[in-house]
Amino acid sequence: MEIIDMLSQSPLFEGVAPEQIRILLKCLKTEVTSYEKGDYILLMGNRTRRMGLVLEGTAHIVKEDFWGNRVILGQSSQGQIFAESYASLGTVQLEVSVVAATACRIMFLDVGRILEVCTVACAFHTRLIHNLLNMMAGRNLMLTKKVEHMAQKTTREKLLSYLSSEAHRAGSATFTIPFNRQELADYLSVDRSAMSTEISKLQKEGVLECERKNFRLCQLPESFEF
């Protein structure tokens, strides 16, 4: 798939025609880089004036402590962006790293050039700014949801909070999550073994069914209405 076709499917370029995307790319100082699974795309402590847009693959936004313990704060898959807030500020050190969860192709865009209205003041550039603000708002809502999950006291409650949220997002009791078991444990900041034990208990109790990343909620505790 050509880059223009990929970009046309991204929320960042929603409402922007392919020929208009070509015009925009000429003034945004874009650069495309490929990464292997596990590669660091952006490293905590550095600064950036460019945000990333995932053309192919998936990237995780992670927080690592001094000893290498990792918490997944979020992820960006095809068509989604990352580091937009840091790139907008430009002078602030990254407090997170971005890691390739799979083999990735990333397009980097100069956020300053997006936010500066060009001399032509074209309508599709204005649309691009509108789309960027919408995506940043969506990221904030996602982080708010994560805080909600993390506020739960036990591994069981964190897990059910997350699964309930994913079911609501999918509009169905049957859904697929974007994480494998280790990634889900890192996202919820819980021990993987303890989380797996809770999943097994919930299956035995008839609360849920699951196979790998696929889940089906059958019966929820009263405090987690669906």
C-alpha atoms as a PDB file:
ATOM      1  CA  MET A   1       0.000   0.000   0.000  1.00  0.00           C
ATOM      2  CA  GLU A   2       1.340   3.424  -0.929  1.00  0.00           C
ATOM      3  CA  ILE A   3       2.025   5.962   1.805  1.00  0.00           C
ATOM      4  CA  ILE A   4      -0.697   8.306   0.534  1.00  0.00           C
ATOM      5  CA  ASP A   5      -3.248   5.475   0.763  1.00  0.00           C
ATOM      6  CA  MET A   6      -2.111   4.703   4.326  1.00  0.00           C
ATOM      7  CA  LEU A   7      -2.339   8.352   5.333  1.00  0.00           C
ATOM      8  CA  SER A   8      -5.812   8.658   3.825  1.00  0.00           C
ATOM      9  CA  GLN A   9      -6.973   6.054   6.374  1.00  0.00           C
ATOM     10  CA  SER A  10      -5.487   7.928   9.345  1.00  0.00           C
ATOM     11  CA  PRO A  11      -7.722  10.159  11.499  1.00  0.00           C
ATOM     12  CA  LEU A  12      -4.991  12.809  11.178  1.00  0.00           C
ATOM     13  CA  PHE A  13      -5.832  13.263   7.487  1.00  0.00           C
ATOM     14  CA  GLU A  14      -9.577  12.703   7.713  1.00  0.00           C
ATOM     15  CA  GLY A  15     -11.379  14.926   5.216  1.00  0.00           C
ATOM     16  CA  VAL A  16      -8.171  15.680   3.309  1.00  0.00           C
ATOM     17  CA  ALA A  17      -8.033  14.464  -0.303  1.00  0.00           C
ATOM     18  CA  PRO A  18      -5.026  12.436  -1.526  1.00  0.00           C
ATOM     19  CA  GLU A  19      -3.775  15.256  -3.764  1.00  0.00           C
ATOM     20  CA  GLN A  20      -4.022  17.633  -0.798  1.00  0.00           C
ATOM     21  CA  ILE A  21      -2.061  15.196   1.382  1.00  0.00           C
ATOM     22  CA  ARG A  22       0.735  15.266  -1.198  1.00  0.00           C
ATOM     23  CA  ILE A  23       0.844  19.050  -0.948  1.00  0.00           C
ATOM     24  CA  LEU A  24       0.929  18.936   2.859  1.00  0.00           C
ATOM     25  CA  LEU A  25       3.759  16.399   2.977  1.00  0.00           C
ATOM     26  CA  LYS A  26       6.003  18.773   1.059  1.00  0.00           C
ATOM     27  CA  CYS A  27       5.859  21.392   3.829  1.00  0.00           C
ATOM     28  CA  LEU A  28       5.761  19.127   6.935  1.00  0.00           C
ATOM     29  CA  LYS A  29       9.366  17.855   6.742  1.00  0.00           C
ATOM     30  CA  THR A  30       8.256  14.238   6.843  1.00  0.00           C
ATOM     31  CA  GLU A  31      10.650  11.334   7.249  1.00  0.00           C
ATOM     32  CA  VAL A  32       9.837   7.614   7.197  1.00  0.00           C
ATOM     33  CA  THR A  33      11.888   5.169   9.282  1.00  0.00           C
ATOM     34  CA  SER A  34      11.527   1.410   9.788  1.00  0.00           C
ATOM     35  CA  TYR A  35      12.026  -0.367  13.127  1.00  0.00           C
ATOM     36  CA  GLU A  36      12.259  -3.973  14.224  1.00  0.00           C
ATOM     37  CA  LYS A  37      10.262  -5.366  17.142  1.00  0.00           C
ATOM     38  CA  GLY A  38      11.795  -4.183  20.416  1.00  0.00           C
ATOM     39  CA  ASP A  39      13.595  -1.176  18.914  1.00  0.00           C
ATOM     40  CA  TYR A  40      13.322   2.152  20.714  1.00  0.00           C
ATOM     41  CA  ILE A  41      11.650   4.722  18.472  1.00  0.00           C
ATOM     42  CA  LEU A  42      11.927   7.545  20.999  1.00  0.00           C
ATOM     43  CA  LEU A  43      13.909   7.387  24.228  1.00  0.00           C
ATOM     44  CA  MET A  44      12.980   8.857  27.603  1.00  0.00           C
ATOM     45  CA  GLY A  45      15.133  11.878  28.484  1.00  0.00           C
ATOM     46  CA  ASN A  46      15.482  13.075  24.906  1.00  0.00           C
ATOM     47  CA  ARG A  47      13.572  15.936  23.292  1.00  0.00           C
ATOM     48  CA  THR A  48      11.629  15.944  20.044  1.00  0.00           C
ATOM     49  CA  ARG A  49       9.941  18.455  17.793  1.00  0.00           C
ATOM     50  CA  ARG A  50       8.474  15.725  15.627  1.00  0.00           C
ATOM     51  CA  MET A  51       5.552  13.449  16.370  1.00  0.00           C
ATOM     52  CA  GLY A  52       5.264   9.956  14.965  1.00  0.00           C
ATOM     53  CA  LEU A  53       2.488   8.515  12.824  1.00  0.00           C
ATOM     54  CA  VAL A  54       2.362   4.715  12.535  1.00  0.00           C
ATOM     55  CA  LEU A  55       2.190   3.597   8.905  1.00  0.00           C
ATOM     56  CA  GLU A  56       2.560  -0.103   9.698  1.00  0.00           C
ATOM     57  CA  GLY A  57       2.770  -2.095  12.927  1.00  0.00           C
ATOM     58  CA  THR A  58       2.208  -1.129  16.553  1.00  0.00           C
ATOM     59  CA  ALA A  59       4.185   1.017  18.987  1.00  0.00           C
ATOM     60  CA  HIS A  60       3.917   1.050  22.778  1.00  0.00           C
ATOM     61  CA  ILE A  61       4.278   4.160  24.918  1.00  0.00           C
ATOM     62  CA  VAL A  62       6.104   2.911  28.006  1.00  0.00           C
ATOM     63  CA  LYS A  63       7.454   4.183  31.311  1.00  0.00           C
ATOM     64  CA  GLU A  64      10.535   2.411  32.651  1.00  0.00           C
ATOM     65  CA  ASP A  65      12.132   2.820  36.056  1.00  0.00           C
ATOM     66  CA  PHE A  66      15.823   2.659  36.941  1.00  0.00           C
ATOM     67  CA  TRP A  67      15.690  -1.166  37.238  1.00  0.00           C
ATOM     68  CA  GLY A  68      13.995  -1.718  33.899  1.00  0.00           C
ATOM     69  CA  ASN A  69      10.481  -2.385  35.193  1.00  0.00           C
ATOM     70  CA  ARG A  70       8.058  -1.347  32.491  1.00  0.00           C
ATOM     71  CA  VAL A  71       4.513   0.023  32.511  1.00  0.00           C
ATOM     72  CA  ILE A  72       2.647   0.388  29.223  1.00  0.00           C
ATOM     73  CA  LEU A  73       0.823   3.709  29.218  1.00  0.00           C
ATOM     74  CA  GLY A  74      -0.752   3.240  25.816  1.00  0.00           C
ATOM     75  CA  GLN A  75      -0.225   2.121  22.278  1.00  0.00           C
ATOM     76  CA  SER A  76      -0.416   3.496  18.755  1.00  0.00           C
ATOM     77  CA  SER A  77      -1.346   1.245  15.864  1.00  0.00           C
ATOM     78  CA  GLN A  78      -1.658   1.929  12.127  1.00  0.00           C
ATOM     79  CA  GLY A  79      -2.890   5.453  11.437  1.00  0.00           C
ATOM     80  CA  GLN A  80      -2.413   6.657  15.004  1.00  0.00           C
ATOM     81  CA  ILE A  81       0.087   9.187  16.364  1.00  0.00           C
ATOM     82  CA  PHE A  82       2.403   9.452  19.368  1.00  0.00           C
ATOM     83  CA  ALA A  83       4.592  12.066  21.117  1.00  0.00           C
ATOM     84  CA  GLU A  84       2.354  14.856  19.808  1.00  0.00           C
ATOM     85  CA  SER A  85       2.293  16.719  23.142  1.00  0.00           C
ATOM     86  CA  TYR A  86       6.075  16.616  23.579  1.00  0.00           C
ATOM     87  CA  ALA A  87       6.587  17.657  19.962  1.00  0.00           C
ATOM     88  CA  SER A  88       4.185  20.579  20.399  1.00  0.00           C
ATOM     89  CA  LEU A  89       6.172  21.843  23.397  1.00  0.00           C
ATOM     90  CA  GLY A  90       9.524  21.007  21.837  1.00  0.00           C
ATOM     91  CA  THR A  91      11.701  21.847  24.846  1.00  0.00           C
ATOM     92  CA  VAL A  92      10.412  19.304  27.383  1.00  0.00           C
ATOM     93  CA  GLN A  93      12.309  16.061  27.951  1.00  0.00           C
ATOM     94  CA  LEU A  94      10.403  12.890  27.174  1.00  0.00           C
ATOM     95  CA  GLU A  95       9.187  11.214  30.359  1.00  0.00           C
ATOM     96  CA  VAL A  96       8.276   8.094  28.394  1.00  0.00           C
ATOM     97  CA  SER A  97       9.843   5.936  25.709  1.00  0.00           C
ATOM     98  CA  VAL A  98       8.191   4.677  22.532  1.00  0.00           C
ATOM     99  CA  VAL A  99       9.038   1.070  21.657  1.00  0.00           C
ATOM    100  CA  ALA A 100       8.170  -0.975  18.561  1.00  0.00           C
ATOM    101  CA  ALA A 101       5.791  -3.710  19.746  1.00  0.00           C
ATOM    102  CA  THR A 102       5.996  -5.209  16.245  1.00  0.00           C
ATOM    103  CA  ALA A 103       8.029  -4.380  13.165  1.00  0.00           C
ATOM    104  CA  CYS A 104       7.030  -0.778  12.369  1.00  0.00           C
ATOM    105  CA  ARG A 105       7.190   1.907   9.736  1.00  0.00           C
ATOM    106  CA  ILE A 106       6.898   5.348  11.268  1.00  0.00           C
ATOM    107  CA  MET A 107       6.402   8.702   9.576  1.00  0.00           C
ATOM    108  CA  PHE A 108       7.744  11.651  11.575  1.00  0.00           C
ATOM    109  CA  LEU A 109       6.101  15.045  11.100  1.00  0.00           C
ATOM    110  CA  ASP A 110       7.225  18.473  12.277  1.00  0.00           C
ATOM    111  CA  VAL A 111       4.415  19.602  14.598  1.00  0.00           C
ATOM    112  CA  GLY A 112       5.548  23.229  14.406  1.00  0.00           C
ATOM    113  CA  ARG A 113       4.857  23.225  10.694  1.00  0.00           C
ATOM    114  CA  ILE A 114       1.409  21.725  11.287  1.00  0.00           C
ATOM    115  CA  LEU A 115       0.440  24.368  13.837  1.00  0.00           C
ATOM    116  CA  GLU A 116       1.761  27.290  11.773  1.00  0.00           C
ATOM    117  CA  VAL A 117      -0.930  28.333   9.296  1.00  0.00           C
ATOM    118  CA  CYS A 118       0.718  28.533   5.898  1.00  0.00           C
ATOM    119  CA  THR A 119       0.751  31.718   3.824  1.00  0.00           C
ATOM    120  CA  VAL A 120      -1.843  30.243   1.496  1.00  0.00           C
ATOM    121  CA  ALA A 121      -4.059  29.520   4.542  1.00  0.00           C
ATOM    122  CA  CYS A 122      -5.453  26.482   2.740  1.00  0.00           C
ATOM    123  CA  ALA A 123      -8.615  24.904   4.110  1.00  0.00           C
ATOM    124  CA  PHE A 124      -7.087  21.436   4.218  1.00  0.00           C
ATOM    125  CA  HIS A 125      -4.215  22.680   6.435  1.00  0.00           C
ATOM    126  CA  THR A 126      -6.840  24.021   8.835  1.00  0.00           C
ATOM    127  CA  ARG A 127      -8.526  20.620   8.682  1.00  0.00           C
ATOM    128  CA  LEU A 128      -5.215  18.969   9.609  1.00  0.00           C
ATOM    129  CA  ILE A 129      -4.917  21.161  12.723  1.00  0.00           C
ATOM    130  CA  HIS A 130      -8.522  20.314  13.660  1.00  0.00           C
ATOM    131  CA  ASN A 131      -7.813  16.586  13.279  1.00  0.00           C
ATOM    132  CA  LEU A 132      -4.643  16.832  15.376  1.00  0.00           C
ATOM    133  CA  LEU A 133      -6.524  18.527  18.219  1.00  0.00           C
ATOM    134  CA  ASN A 134      -9.197  15.829  18.080  1.00  0.00           C
ATOM    135  CA  MET A 135      -6.561  13.093  18.301  1.00  0.00           C
ATOM    136  CA  MET A 136      -4.848  14.819  21.235  1.00  0.00           C
ATOM    137  CA  ALA A 137      -8.204  15.050  23.013  1.00  0.00           C
ATOM    138  CA  GLY A 138      -8.755  11.346  22.361  1.00  0.00           C
ATOM    139  CA  ARG A 139      -5.365  10.549  23.862  1.00  0.00           C
ATOM    140  CA  ASN A 140      -6.273  12.498  26.999  1.00  0.00           C
ATOM    141  CA  LEU A 141      -9.514  10.540  27.340  1.00  0.00           C
ATOM    142  CA  MET A 142      -7.600   7.279  26.945  1.00  0.00           C
ATOM    143  CA  LEU A 143      -5.206   8.259  29.736  1.00  0.00           C
ATOM    144  CA  THR A 144      -8.176   9.196  31.920  1.00  0.00           C
ATOM    145  CA  LYS A 145      -9.551   5.702  31.376  1.00  0.00           C
ATOM    146  CA  LYS A 146      -6.218   4.183  32.336  1.00  0.00           C
ATOM    147  CA  VAL A 147      -6.186   6.197  35.568  1.00  0.00           C
ATOM    148  CA  GLU A 148      -9.670   4.834  36.266  1.00  0.00           C
ATOM    149  CA  HIS A 149      -8.406   1.264  35.894  1.00  0.00           C
ATOM    150  CA  MET A 150      -5.321   1.946  37.991  1.00  0.00           C
ATOM    151  CA  ALA A 151      -7.434   3.474  40.766  1.00  0.00           C
ATOM    152  CA  GLN A 152      -8.949   0.065  41.477  1.00  0.00           C
ATOM    153  CA  LYS A 153      -7.417  -1.589  44.529  1.00  0.00           C
ATOM    154  CA  THR A 154      -6.931  -5.203  43.480  1.00  0.00           C
ATOM    155  CA  THR A 155      -5.675  -7.031  40.406  1.00  0.00           C
ATOM    156  CA  ARG A 156      -9.158  -8.483  39.924  1.00  0.00           C
ATOM    157  CA  GLU A 157     -10.805  -5.058  40.049  1.00  0.00           C
ATOM    158  CA  LYS A 158      -8.246  -3.523  37.671  1.00  0.00           C
ATOM    159  CA  LEU A 159      -8.755  -6.372  35.230  1.00  0.00           C
ATOM    160  CA  LEU A 160     -12.555  -6.171  35.341  1.00  0.00           C
ATOM    161  CA  SER A 161     -12.474  -2.393  35.002  1.00  0.00           C
ATOM    162  CA  TYR A 162     -10.341  -2.679  31.865  1.00  0.00           C
ATOM    163  CA  LEU A 163     -12.381  -5.516  30.329  1.00  0.00           C
ATOM    164  CA  SER A 164     -15.655  -3.707  31.057  1.00  0.00           C
ATOM    165  CA  SER A 165     -14.285  -0.603  29.342  1.00  0.00           C
ATOM    166  CA  GLU A 166     -13.177  -2.610  26.304  1.00  0.00           C
ATOM    167  CA  ALA A 167     -16.612  -4.244  26.060  1.00  0.00           C
ATOM    168  CA  HIS A 168     -18.273  -0.829  26.120  1.00  0.00           C
ATOM    169  CA  ARG A 169     -15.850   0.458  23.496  1.00  0.00           C
ATOM    170  CA  ALA A 170     -16.580  -2.521  21.242  1.00  0.00           C
ATOM    171  CA  GLY A 171     -20.324  -2.255  21.878  1.00  0.00           C
ATOM    172  CA  SER A 172     -20.400  -5.976  22.530  1.00  0.00           C
ATOM    173  CA  ALA A 173     -19.757  -8.502  25.289  1.00  0.00           C
ATOM    174  CA  THR A 174     -17.398 -10.222  22.828  1.00  0.00           C
ATOM    175  CA  PHE A 175     -14.252  -8.305  21.896  1.00  0.00           C
ATOM    176  CA  THR A 176     -10.530  -8.516  21.206  1.00  0.00           C
ATOM    177  CA  ILE A 177      -7.978  -6.616  23.277  1.00  0.00           C
ATOM    178  CA  PRO A 178      -4.764  -5.206  21.741  1.00  0.00           C
ATOM    179  CA  PHE A 179      -2.421  -6.745  24.340  1.00  0.00           C
ATOM    180  CA  ASN A 180      -0.959 -10.180  24.998  1.00  0.00           C
ATOM    181  CA  ARG A 181      -0.818 -11.370  28.629  1.00  0.00           C
ATOM    182  CA  GLN A 182       2.502  -9.732  29.509  1.00  0.00           C
ATOM    183  CA  GLU A 183       1.541  -6.491  27.796  1.00  0.00           C
ATOM    184  CA  LEU A 184      -1.805  -6.441  29.613  1.00  0.00           C
ATOM    185  CA  ALA A 185      -0.053  -6.959  32.940  1.00  0.00           C
ATOM    186  CA  ASP A 186       2.343  -4.126  32.085  1.00  0.00           C
ATOM    187  CA  TYR A 187      -0.571  -1.891  31.090  1.00  0.00           C
ATOM    188  CA  LEU A 188      -2.440  -2.545  34.343  1.00  0.00           C
ATOM    189  CA  SER A 189       0.798  -2.476  36.351  1.00  0.00           C
ATOM    190  CA  VAL A 190       0.144  -5.859  37.959  1.00  0.00           C
ATOM    191  CA  ASP A 191       2.057  -9.114  38.282  1.00  0.00           C
ATOM    192  CA  ARG A 192       1.470 -11.316  35.237  1.00  0.00           C
ATOM    193  CA  SER A 193       1.164 -14.507  37.285  1.00  0.00           C
ATOM    194  CA  ALA A 194      -1.344 -12.930  39.659  1.00  0.00           C
ATOM    195  CA  MET A 195      -3.351 -11.574  36.720  1.00  0.00           C
ATOM    196  CA  SER A 196      -3.393 -14.966  34.986  1.00  0.00           C
ATOM    197  CA  THR A 197      -4.629 -16.539  38.219  1.00  0.00           C
ATOM    198  CA  GLU A 198      -7.474 -14.021  38.382  1.00  0.00           C
ATOM    199  CA  ILE A 199      -8.417 -14.681  34.763  1.00  0.00           C
ATOM    200  CA  SER A 200      -8.598 -18.407  35.514  1.00  0.00           C
ATOM    201  CA  LYS A 201     -10.770 -17.749  38.579  1.00  0.00           C
ATOM    202  CA  LEU A 202     -13.115 -15.511  36.598  1.00  0.00           C
ATOM    203  CA  GLN A 203     -13.480 -18.202  33.939  1.00  0.00           C
ATOM    204  CA  LYS A 204     -14.329 -20.818  36.576  1.00  0.00           C
ATOM    205  CA  GLU A 205     -16.856 -18.429  38.125  1.00  0.00           C
ATOM    206  CA  GLY A 206     -18.534 -17.979  34.747  1.00  0.00           C
ATOM    207  CA  VAL A 207     -17.775 -14.261  34.625  1.00  0.00           C
ATOM    208  CA  LEU A 208     -15.859 -14.439  31.362  1.00  0.00           C
ATOM    209  CA  GLU A 209     -14.522 -16.659  28.614  1.00  0.00           C
ATOM    210  CA  CYS A 210     -11.209 -15.994  26.897  1.00  0.00           C
ATOM    211  CA  GLU A 211      -8.758 -17.397  24.392  1.00  0.00           C
ATOM    212  CA  ARG A 212      -5.548 -15.451  23.897  1.00  0.00           C
ATOM    213  CA  LYS A 213      -6.644 -11.855  23.135  1.00  0.00           C
ATOM    214  CA  ASN A 214     -10.299 -12.737  22.607  1.00  0.00           C
ATOM    215  CA  PHE A 215     -12.718 -12.200  25.502  1.00  0.00           C
ATOM    216  CA  ARG A 216     -16.406 -12.656  26.162  1.00  0.00           C
ATOM    217  CA  LEU A 217     -18.033 -11.232  29.283  1.00  0.00           C
ATOM    218  CA  CYS A 218     -20.754 -13.538  30.535  1.00  0.00           C
ATOM    219  CA  GLN A 219     -21.722 -12.376  34.001  1.00  0.00           C
ATOM    220  CA  LEU A 220     -20.320  -9.314  35.752  1.00  0.00           C
ATOM    221  CA  PRO A 221     -20.205  -8.557  39.449  1.00  0.00           C
ATOM    222  CA  GLU A 222     -22.783  -5.946  40.519  1.00  0.00           C
ATOM    223  CA  SER A 223     -20.106  -3.236  40.785  1.00  0.00           C
ATOM    224  CA  PHE A 224     -19.185  -3.672  37.122  1.00  0.00           C
ATOM    225  CA  GLU A 225     -22.427  -3.238  35.228  1.00  0.00           C
ATOM    226  CA  PHE A 226     -22.394  -3.699  31.466  1.00  0.00           C
END
